[in-house]
Amino acid sequence: MNAPDKNAQRAAEIMQALPAPPTFATKHEEQRHRKQRLAAAFRLFSKFGFDEGVAGHITARDPLEPETFWVNPFGVHFSQIKVSNLIRVDHEGAVVEGAHPVNRAAFVIHSRIHAARPDVHAAAHAHSTHGRAFSALGRTLDPISQDVCAFYGDHVLYDDFGGVVVELDEGARIAAALGPHKAAILQSHGLLTCGGTVDEAAWWFITMERSCQVQLLAMAAANGAPLRTISEASAKQAFALVGSAYAGWFQFQPLYARIVREQPDLLE
């Protein structure tokens, strides 16, 4: 057996020993799980400084009524969000469960993504510092590190910024630009990520923000010189390991355990 085959076999053995995403006996149990993950994601976004006033939102498709989704209540800081104050919104923008209003931009962007992508159960968007700075460059991320290879061939640039997103046609254009990918850089706006679980969508956002920071630092250090990029073959190999849905889910688990231990009130 040659070295690549041995490496592939070893990788398969490691994957078999790792925990698997949970399964649920009922849709109510799955709903509770998604809401807990969603509340935890907001607390983590606050901890990492991704908040900017009232901007930003993460959504989770409701497993009981898939044409609706859970989202943060408008005007409540990420650090104060818990399971009990999440709101549920339909694709027409009406709050069908909860006592707070919805952010119009959250409805406009996320409703179009959830409608266009049945495979997407969660999406995240926030006005994080490095994501906004990188979005001003009008380009996608380069494969300059192992971590950023999670987005190799799997993110796009949306360069049709039309001001604050409050109209459905803008949300539809963002969803169309996103296509089948896991992430988009919204020029002059910020980052958008999605996934089959809240865990994935949140982790992709966290690592994409850090990837933007790394590339900005590398570009500044290079003083205008071209950055050395990873080869296509190596980037594809890394993507298969760090860019899979499972990798996104798995890398969120230690963060979830950490934030629940630090801030258990999020589960209330």
C-alpha atoms as a PDB file:
ATOM      1  CA  MET A   1       0.000   0.000   0.000  1.00  0.00           C
ATOM      2  CA  ASN A   2       1.480   3.352  -1.038  1.00  0.00           C
ATOM      3  CA  ALA A   3       1.611   6.432   1.206  1.00  0.00           C
ATOM      4  CA  PRO A   4      -1.558   8.179  -0.117  1.00  0.00           C
ATOM      5  CA  ASP A   5      -3.556   4.962   0.328  1.00  0.00           C
ATOM      6  CA  LYS A   6      -2.222   4.522   3.863  1.00  0.00           C
ATOM      7  CA  ASN A   7      -3.111   8.114   4.691  1.00  0.00           C
ATOM      8  CA  ALA A   8      -6.632   7.666   3.328  1.00  0.00           C
ATOM      9  CA  GLN A   9      -7.101   4.469   5.314  1.00  0.00           C
ATOM     10  CA  ARG A  10      -5.845   6.125   8.485  1.00  0.00           C
ATOM     11  CA  ALA A  11      -8.153   9.092   7.946  1.00  0.00           C
ATOM     12  CA  ALA A  12     -11.102   6.713   7.533  1.00  0.00           C
ATOM     13  CA  GLU A  13     -10.190   4.931  10.767  1.00  0.00           C
ATOM     14  CA  ILE A  14     -10.018   8.216  12.643  1.00  0.00           C
ATOM     15  CA  MET A  15     -13.379   9.325  11.296  1.00  0.00           C
ATOM     16  CA  GLN A  16     -15.018   6.080  12.428  1.00  0.00           C
ATOM     17  CA  ALA A  17     -13.801   6.703  15.990  1.00  0.00           C
ATOM     18  CA  LEU A  18     -15.232  10.235  16.180  1.00  0.00           C
ATOM     19  CA  PRO A  19     -18.712  11.097  17.518  1.00  0.00           C
ATOM     20  CA  ALA A  20     -21.586  11.377  15.072  1.00  0.00           C
ATOM     21  CA  PRO A  21     -24.216  14.106  14.850  1.00  0.00           C
ATOM     22  CA  PRO A  22     -27.241  13.242  17.014  1.00  0.00           C
ATOM     23  CA  THR A  23     -30.418  11.593  15.838  1.00  0.00           C
ATOM     24  CA  PHE A  24     -33.807  12.397  17.353  1.00  0.00           C
ATOM     25  CA  ALA A  25     -36.775  10.337  18.456  1.00  0.00           C
ATOM     26  CA  THR A  26     -39.241  13.154  17.750  1.00  0.00           C
ATOM     27  CA  LYS A  27     -39.391  16.421  15.829  1.00  0.00           C
ATOM     28  CA  HIS A  28     -40.008  18.243  19.119  1.00  0.00           C
ATOM     29  CA  GLU A  29     -36.725  16.881  20.448  1.00  0.00           C
ATOM     30  CA  GLU A  30     -34.957  18.014  17.280  1.00  0.00           C
ATOM     31  CA  GLN A  31     -36.541  21.464  17.572  1.00  0.00           C
ATOM     32  CA  ARG A  32     -35.271  21.858  21.120  1.00  0.00           C
ATOM     33  CA  HIS A  33     -31.789  20.810  20.031  1.00  0.00           C
ATOM     34  CA  ARG A  34     -31.694  23.335  17.188  1.00  0.00           C
ATOM     35  CA  LYS A  35     -32.870  26.149  19.456  1.00  0.00           C
ATOM     36  CA  GLN A  36     -30.195  25.321  22.030  1.00  0.00           C
ATOM     37  CA  ARG A  37     -27.506  25.346  19.352  1.00  0.00           C
ATOM     38  CA  LEU A  38     -28.881  28.601  17.974  1.00  0.00           C
ATOM     39  CA  ALA A  39     -28.818  30.357  21.358  1.00  0.00           C
ATOM     40  CA  ALA A  40     -25.276  29.075  21.944  1.00  0.00           C
ATOM     41  CA  ALA A  41     -24.156  30.369  18.543  1.00  0.00           C
ATOM     42  CA  PHE A  42     -25.333  33.874  19.424  1.00  0.00           C
ATOM     43  CA  ARG A  43     -23.475  33.794  22.736  1.00  0.00           C
ATOM     44  CA  LEU A  44     -20.321  32.708  20.911  1.00  0.00           C
ATOM     45  CA  PHE A  45     -20.734  35.445  18.305  1.00  0.00           C
ATOM     46  CA  SER A  46     -20.957  37.944  21.162  1.00  0.00           C
ATOM     47  CA  LYS A  47     -17.892  36.469  22.855  1.00  0.00           C
ATOM     48  CA  PHE A  48     -15.904  36.727  19.613  1.00  0.00           C
ATOM     49  CA  GLY A  49     -16.996  40.334  19.017  1.00  0.00           C
ATOM     50  CA  PHE A  50     -19.125  39.723  15.947  1.00  0.00           C
ATOM     51  CA  ASP A  51     -21.889  42.032  17.166  1.00  0.00           C
ATOM     52  CA  GLU A  52     -22.353  45.526  15.741  1.00  0.00           C
ATOM     53  CA  GLY A  53     -25.295  47.256  17.377  1.00  0.00           C
ATOM     54  CA  VAL A  54     -28.471  45.432  16.335  1.00  0.00           C
ATOM     55  CA  ALA A  55     -26.996  44.064  13.081  1.00  0.00           C
ATOM     56  CA  GLY A  56     -26.554  40.355  12.462  1.00  0.00           C
ATOM     57  CA  HIS A  57     -28.674  37.247  12.571  1.00  0.00           C
ATOM     58  CA  ILE A  58     -28.514  33.466  12.599  1.00  0.00           C
ATOM     59  CA  THR A  59     -31.490  31.348  11.625  1.00  0.00           C
ATOM     60  CA  ALA A  60     -32.497  27.729  12.125  1.00  0.00           C
ATOM     61  CA  ARG A  61     -35.206  26.031  10.079  1.00  0.00           C
ATOM     62  CA  ASP A  62     -37.976  24.659  12.295  1.00  0.00           C
ATOM     63  CA  PRO A  63     -38.206  20.850  11.928  1.00  0.00           C
ATOM     64  CA  LEU A  64     -41.926  20.844  12.805  1.00  0.00           C
ATOM     65  CA  GLU A  65     -42.895  23.572  10.326  1.00  0.00           C
ATOM     66  CA  PRO A  66     -40.048  23.758   7.785  1.00  0.00           C
ATOM     67  CA  GLU A  67     -41.519  26.833   6.084  1.00  0.00           C
ATOM     68  CA  THR A  68     -40.677  28.806   9.229  1.00  0.00           C
ATOM     69  CA  PHE A  69     -37.376  29.507  10.967  1.00  0.00           C
ATOM     70  CA  TRP A  70     -36.074  30.556  14.387  1.00  0.00           C
ATOM     71  CA  VAL A  71     -34.051  33.752  14.640  1.00  0.00           C
ATOM     72  CA  ASN A  72     -32.819  36.269  17.210  1.00  0.00           C
ATOM     73  CA  PRO A  73     -35.307  38.842  18.491  1.00  0.00           C
ATOM     74  CA  PHE A  74     -34.599  42.266  16.990  1.00  0.00           C
ATOM     75  CA  GLY A  75     -32.927  44.649  19.425  1.00  0.00           C
ATOM     76  CA  VAL A  76     -31.761  42.000  21.912  1.00  0.00           C
ATOM     77  CA  HIS A  77     -27.971  41.799  22.224  1.00  0.00           C
ATOM     78  CA  PHE A  78     -26.341  38.514  21.203  1.00  0.00           C
ATOM     79  CA  SER A  79     -25.057  38.121  24.777  1.00  0.00           C
ATOM     80  CA  GLN A  80     -28.615  38.140  26.150  1.00  0.00           C
ATOM     81  CA  ILE A  81     -30.170  35.609  23.818  1.00  0.00           C
ATOM     82  CA  LYS A  82     -31.439  32.350  25.250  1.00  0.00           C
ATOM     83  CA  VAL A  83     -33.722  29.567  24.062  1.00  0.00           C
ATOM     84  CA  SER A  84     -36.838  31.161  25.546  1.00  0.00           C
ATOM     85  CA  ASN A  85     -36.558  34.515  23.745  1.00  0.00           C
ATOM     86  CA  LEU A  86     -35.884  33.219  20.242  1.00  0.00           C
ATOM     87  CA  ILE A  87     -38.665  34.031  17.779  1.00  0.00           C
ATOM     88  CA  ARG A  88     -40.113  31.977  14.920  1.00  0.00           C
ATOM     89  CA  VAL A  89     -40.859  33.684  11.613  1.00  0.00           C
ATOM     90  CA  ASP A  90     -42.578  32.549   8.426  1.00  0.00           C
ATOM     91  CA  HIS A  91     -41.415  33.264   4.894  1.00  0.00           C
ATOM     92  CA  GLU A  92     -43.788  36.238   4.684  1.00  0.00           C
ATOM     93  CA  GLY A  93     -42.042  37.946   7.595  1.00  0.00           C
ATOM     94  CA  ALA A  94     -44.737  37.380  10.222  1.00  0.00           C
ATOM     95  CA  VAL A  95     -43.668  36.437  13.745  1.00  0.00           C
ATOM     96  CA  VAL A  96     -45.622  33.260  14.479  1.00  0.00           C
ATOM     97  CA  GLU A  97     -44.037  32.522  17.841  1.00  0.00           C
ATOM     98  CA  GLY A  98     -42.339  34.875  20.299  1.00  0.00           C
ATOM     99  CA  ALA A  99     -42.833  38.313  21.808  1.00  0.00           C
ATOM    100  CA  HIS A 100     -40.327  40.407  19.833  1.00  0.00           C
ATOM    101  CA  PRO A 101     -40.207  41.860  16.303  1.00  0.00           C
ATOM    102  CA  VAL A 102     -37.977  40.444  13.571  1.00  0.00           C
ATOM    103  CA  ASN A 103     -35.084  42.250  11.916  1.00  0.00           C
ATOM    104  CA  ARG A 104     -36.350  43.024   8.395  1.00  0.00           C
ATOM    105  CA  ALA A 105     -32.929  42.214   6.910  1.00  0.00           C
ATOM    106  CA  ALA A 106     -32.927  38.842   8.669  1.00  0.00           C
ATOM    107  CA  PHE A 107     -36.268  37.961   7.115  1.00  0.00           C
ATOM    108  CA  VAL A 108     -35.343  39.250   3.655  1.00  0.00           C
ATOM    109  CA  ILE A 109     -31.997  37.434   3.402  1.00  0.00           C
ATOM    110  CA  HIS A 110     -32.710  34.231   5.279  1.00  0.00           C
ATOM    111  CA  SER A 111     -36.219  33.563   3.970  1.00  0.00           C
ATOM    112  CA  ARG A 112     -34.910  33.566   0.396  1.00  0.00           C
ATOM    113  CA  ILE A 113     -31.994  31.276   1.288  1.00  0.00           C
ATOM    114  CA  HIS A 114     -34.181  28.822   3.195  1.00  0.00           C
ATOM    115  CA  ALA A 115     -36.698  28.832   0.329  1.00  0.00           C
ATOM    116  CA  ALA A 116     -34.040  28.267  -2.341  1.00  0.00           C
ATOM    117  CA  ARG A 117     -32.003  25.682  -0.419  1.00  0.00           C
ATOM    118  CA  PRO A 118     -33.989  22.843   1.215  1.00  0.00           C
ATOM    119  CA  ASP A 119     -30.633  21.391   2.339  1.00  0.00           C
ATOM    120  CA  VAL A 120     -29.856  24.506   4.390  1.00  0.00           C
ATOM    121  CA  HIS A 121     -31.188  24.271   7.930  1.00  0.00           C
ATOM    122  CA  ALA A 122     -29.226  27.221   9.266  1.00  0.00           C
ATOM    123  CA  ALA A 123     -27.621  30.421   7.994  1.00  0.00           C
ATOM    124  CA  ALA A 124     -25.480  33.063   9.681  1.00  0.00           C
ATOM    125  CA  HIS A 125     -24.713  36.682   8.860  1.00  0.00           C
ATOM    126  CA  ALA A 126     -23.046  39.295  11.049  1.00  0.00           C
ATOM    127  CA  HIS A 127     -21.106  42.517  10.631  1.00  0.00           C
ATOM    128  CA  SER A 128     -17.816  41.167  11.962  1.00  0.00           C
ATOM    129  CA  THR A 129     -14.796  43.446  11.724  1.00  0.00           C
ATOM    130  CA  HIS A 130     -12.461  41.456   9.478  1.00  0.00           C
ATOM    131  CA  GLY A 131     -15.279  40.142   7.317  1.00  0.00           C
ATOM    132  CA  ARG A 132     -16.391  43.695   6.600  1.00  0.00           C
ATOM    133  CA  ALA A 133     -12.834  44.833   5.915  1.00  0.00           C
ATOM    134  CA  PHE A 134     -12.177  41.945   3.540  1.00  0.00           C
ATOM    135  CA  SER A 135     -15.536  42.422   1.802  1.00  0.00           C
ATOM    136  CA  ALA A 136     -14.398  45.909   0.764  1.00  0.00           C
ATOM    137  CA  LEU A 137     -11.725  44.313  -1.451  1.00  0.00           C
ATOM    138  CA  GLY A 138     -14.308  42.801  -3.785  1.00  0.00           C
ATOM    139  CA  ARG A 139     -12.646  39.376  -4.009  1.00  0.00           C
ATOM    140  CA  THR A 140     -12.860  35.853  -2.666  1.00  0.00           C
ATOM    141  CA  LEU A 141     -10.404  34.250  -0.248  1.00  0.00           C
ATOM    142  CA  ASP A 142      -7.147  32.794  -1.532  1.00  0.00           C
ATOM    143  CA  PRO A 143      -5.967  29.293  -0.500  1.00  0.00           C
ATOM    144  CA  ILE A 144      -3.071  30.531   1.624  1.00  0.00           C
ATOM    145  CA  SER A 145      -3.598  28.342   4.702  1.00  0.00           C
ATOM    146  CA  GLN A 146      -4.952  24.934   5.594  1.00  0.00           C
ATOM    147  CA  ASP A 147      -7.954  26.382   7.407  1.00  0.00           C
ATOM    148  CA  VAL A 148      -9.141  28.598   4.567  1.00  0.00           C
ATOM    149  CA  CYS A 149      -9.215  25.528   2.312  1.00  0.00           C
ATOM    150  CA  ALA A 150     -12.558  24.769   3.961  1.00  0.00           C
ATOM    151  CA  PHE A 151     -13.880  27.344   1.472  1.00  0.00           C
ATOM    152  CA  TYR A 152     -11.859  26.259  -1.564  1.00  0.00           C
ATOM    153  CA  GLY A 153     -14.274  26.302  -4.504  1.00  0.00           C
ATOM    154  CA  ASP A 154     -17.142  26.609  -2.030  1.00  0.00           C
ATOM    155  CA  HIS A 155     -17.684  30.345  -1.541  1.00  0.00           C
ATOM    156  CA  VAL A 156     -18.664  33.222  -3.789  1.00  0.00           C
ATOM    157  CA  LEU A 157     -18.516  37.001  -4.031  1.00  0.00           C
ATOM    158  CA  TYR A 158     -21.808  38.900  -4.112  1.00  0.00           C
ATOM    159  CA  ASP A 159     -20.870  42.272  -5.607  1.00  0.00           C
ATOM    160  CA  ASP A 160     -24.324  43.743  -6.194  1.00  0.00           C
ATOM    161  CA  PHE A 161     -24.591  45.768  -2.976  1.00  0.00           C
ATOM    162  CA  GLY A 162     -27.783  47.810  -3.050  1.00  0.00           C
ATOM    163  CA  GLY A 163     -27.789  49.371   0.401  1.00  0.00           C
ATOM    164  CA  VAL A 164     -29.360  47.957   3.568  1.00  0.00           C
ATOM    165  CA  VAL A 165     -31.146  44.734   2.634  1.00  0.00           C
ATOM    166  CA  VAL A 166     -34.856  45.396   3.175  1.00  0.00           C
ATOM    167  CA  GLU A 167     -36.386  44.219  -0.111  1.00  0.00           C
ATOM    168  CA  LEU A 168     -37.135  40.635  -1.086  1.00  0.00           C
ATOM    169  CA  ASP A 169     -35.550  40.972  -4.514  1.00  0.00           C
ATOM    170  CA  GLU A 170     -32.203  41.777  -2.874  1.00  0.00           C
ATOM    171  CA  GLY A 171     -32.540  38.681  -0.700  1.00  0.00           C
ATOM    172  CA  ALA A 172     -33.368  36.624  -3.788  1.00  0.00           C
ATOM    173  CA  ARG A 173     -30.272  37.919  -5.595  1.00  0.00           C
ATOM    174  CA  ILE A 174     -28.079  37.007  -2.615  1.00  0.00           C
ATOM    175  CA  ALA A 175     -29.597  33.506  -2.522  1.00  0.00           C
ATOM    176  CA  ALA A 176     -29.055  33.123  -6.276  1.00  0.00           C
ATOM    177  CA  ALA A 177     -25.424  34.254  -5.994  1.00  0.00           C
ATOM    178  CA  LEU A 178     -24.834  31.855  -3.094  1.00  0.00           C
ATOM    179  CA  GLY A 179     -26.069  28.970  -5.238  1.00  0.00           C
ATOM    180  CA  PRO A 180     -25.037  25.565  -3.833  1.00  0.00           C
ATOM    181  CA  HIS A 181     -22.111  26.956  -1.833  1.00  0.00           C
ATOM    182  CA  LYS A 182     -21.614  27.181   1.923  1.00  0.00           C
ATOM    183  CA  ALA A 183     -20.580  30.843   2.091  1.00  0.00           C
ATOM    184  CA  ALA A 184     -20.630  34.225   0.403  1.00  0.00           C
ATOM    185  CA  ILE A 185     -18.666  37.419   0.805  1.00  0.00           C
ATOM    186  CA  LEU A 186     -21.175  40.251   0.511  1.00  0.00           C
ATOM    187  CA  GLN A 187     -19.178  43.144  -0.912  1.00  0.00           C
ATOM    188  CA  SER A 188     -19.187  46.231   1.334  1.00  0.00           C
ATOM    189  CA  HIS A 189     -21.374  44.323   3.784  1.00  0.00           C
ATOM    190  CA  GLY A 190     -19.860  41.253   5.434  1.00  0.00           C
ATOM    191  CA  LEU A 191     -19.985  37.465   5.486  1.00  0.00           C
ATOM    192  CA  LEU A 192     -22.766  34.924   5.056  1.00  0.00           C
ATOM    193  CA  THR A 193     -22.512  31.195   5.792  1.00  0.00           C
ATOM    194  CA  CYS A 194     -24.941  28.305   5.813  1.00  0.00           C
ATOM    195  CA  GLY A 195     -25.112  24.600   6.598  1.00  0.00           C
ATOM    196  CA  GLY A 196     -27.218  21.555   7.254  1.00  0.00           C
ATOM    197  CA  THR A 197     -26.990  22.251  10.989  1.00  0.00           C
ATOM    198  CA  VAL A 198     -26.694  25.329  13.175  1.00  0.00           C
ATOM    199  CA  ASP A 199     -23.321  23.934  14.246  1.00  0.00           C
ATOM    200  CA  GLU A 200     -22.012  24.009  10.670  1.00  0.00           C
ATOM    201  CA  ALA A 201     -23.300  27.461   9.793  1.00  0.00           C
ATOM    202  CA  ALA A 202     -21.892  28.971  12.991  1.00  0.00           C
ATOM    203  CA  TRP A 203     -18.492  27.289  12.636  1.00  0.00           C
ATOM    204  CA  TRP A 204     -18.163  28.282   8.978  1.00  0.00           C
ATOM    205  CA  PHE A 205     -18.783  31.889   9.970  1.00  0.00           C
ATOM    206  CA  ILE A 206     -16.263  31.778  12.808  1.00  0.00           C
ATOM    207  CA  THR A 207     -13.504  30.251  10.692  1.00  0.00           C
ATOM    208  CA  MET A 208     -14.316  32.420   7.660  1.00  0.00           C
ATOM    209  CA  GLU A 209     -13.988  35.579   9.766  1.00  0.00           C
ATOM    210  CA  ARG A 210     -10.603  34.337  10.988  1.00  0.00           C
ATOM    211  CA  SER A 211      -9.562  33.460   7.444  1.00  0.00           C
ATOM    212  CA  CYS A 212     -10.355  37.023   6.373  1.00  0.00           C
ATOM    213  CA  GLN A 213      -8.214  38.280   9.236  1.00  0.00           C
ATOM    214  CA  VAL A 214      -5.312  36.008   8.265  1.00  0.00           C
ATOM    215  CA  GLN A 215      -5.406  37.088   4.619  1.00  0.00           C
ATOM    216  CA  LEU A 216      -5.575  40.774   5.544  1.00  0.00           C
ATOM    217  CA  LEU A 217      -2.532  40.307   7.795  1.00  0.00           C
ATOM    218  CA  ALA A 218      -0.661  38.374   5.101  1.00  0.00           C
ATOM    219  CA  MET A 219      -1.436  40.996   2.461  1.00  0.00           C
ATOM    220  CA  ALA A 220      -0.232  43.771   4.762  1.00  0.00           C
ATOM    221  CA  ALA A 221       2.980  41.883   5.546  1.00  0.00           C
ATOM    222  CA  ALA A 222       3.571  41.193   1.836  1.00  0.00           C
ATOM    223  CA  ASN A 223       3.293  44.922   1.137  1.00  0.00           C
ATOM    224  CA  GLY A 224       1.583  44.370  -2.181  1.00  0.00           C
ATOM    225  CA  ALA A 225       3.558  41.335  -3.319  1.00  0.00           C
ATOM    226  CA  PRO A 226       1.536  38.311  -4.477  1.00  0.00           C
ATOM    227  CA  LEU A 227       0.754  35.803  -1.745  1.00  0.00           C
ATOM    228  CA  ARG A 228       2.032  32.262  -2.109  1.00  0.00           C
ATOM    229  CA  THR A 229      -0.977  29.995  -2.483  1.00  0.00           C
ATOM    230  CA  ILE A 230      -1.479  26.292  -1.868  1.00  0.00           C
ATOM    231  CA  SER A 231      -1.528  24.111  -4.980  1.00  0.00           C
ATOM    232  CA  GLU A 232      -4.868  23.057  -6.417  1.00  0.00           C
ATOM    233  CA  ALA A 233      -4.275  19.384  -5.548  1.00  0.00           C
ATOM    234  CA  SER A 234      -3.324  20.187  -1.958  1.00  0.00           C
ATOM    235  CA  ALA A 235      -6.206  22.639  -1.537  1.00  0.00           C
ATOM    236  CA  LYS A 236      -8.683  20.016  -2.756  1.00  0.00           C
ATOM    237  CA  GLN A 237      -7.206  17.434  -0.381  1.00  0.00           C
ATOM    238  CA  ALA A 238      -7.484  19.849   2.545  1.00  0.00           C
ATOM    239  CA  PHE A 239     -11.029  20.824   1.532  1.00  0.00           C
ATOM    240  CA  ALA A 240     -12.113  17.181   1.679  1.00  0.00           C
ATOM    241  CA  LEU A 241     -10.984  17.026   5.309  1.00  0.00           C
ATOM    242  CA  VAL A 242     -11.707  20.476   6.740  1.00  0.00           C
ATOM    243  CA  GLY A 243     -14.533  21.611   4.450  1.00  0.00           C
ATOM    244  CA  SER A 244     -17.008  18.760   4.789  1.00  0.00           C
ATOM    245  CA  ALA A 245     -20.362  19.091   6.541  1.00  0.00           C
ATOM    246  CA  TYR A 246     -19.131  16.739   9.228  1.00  0.00           C
ATOM    247  CA  ALA A 247     -15.992  18.813   9.819  1.00  0.00           C
ATOM    248  CA  GLY A 248     -18.122  21.917  10.246  1.00  0.00           C
ATOM    249  CA  TRP A 249     -20.398  20.174  12.735  1.00  0.00           C
ATOM    250  CA  PHE A 250     -17.544  18.540  14.664  1.00  0.00           C
ATOM    251  CA  GLN A 251     -15.460  21.685  15.093  1.00  0.00           C
ATOM    252  CA  PHE A 252     -18.398  23.468  16.723  1.00  0.00           C
ATOM    253  CA  GLN A 253     -18.771  20.847  19.482  1.00  0.00           C
ATOM    254  CA  PRO A 254     -15.937  22.031  21.787  1.00  0.00           C
ATOM    255  CA  LEU A 255     -17.172  25.621  21.419  1.00  0.00           C
ATOM    256  CA  TYR A 256     -20.695  24.572  22.353  1.00  0.00           C
ATOM    257  CA  ALA A 257     -19.458  22.719  25.438  1.00  0.00           C
ATOM    258  CA  ARG A 258     -17.358  25.743  26.411  1.00  0.00           C
ATOM    259  CA  ILE A 259     -20.121  28.343  26.127  1.00  0.00           C
ATOM    260  CA  VAL A 260     -22.745  26.205  27.889  1.00  0.00           C
ATOM    261  CA  ARG A 261     -20.357  25.680  30.790  1.00  0.00           C
ATOM    262  CA  GLU A 262     -19.580  29.409  30.978  1.00  0.00           C
ATOM    263  CA  GLN A 263     -23.117  30.692  30.344  1.00  0.00           C
ATOM    264  CA  PRO A 264     -25.656  27.956  31.226  1.00  0.00           C
ATOM    265  CA  ASP A 265     -28.511  30.487  31.297  1.00  0.00           C
ATOM    266  CA  LEU A 266     -28.554  30.384  27.473  1.00  0.00           C
ATOM    267  CA  LEU A 267     -30.440  27.079  27.741  1.00  0.00           C
ATOM    268  CA  GLU A 268     -33.330  28.646  29.684  1.00  0.00           C
END
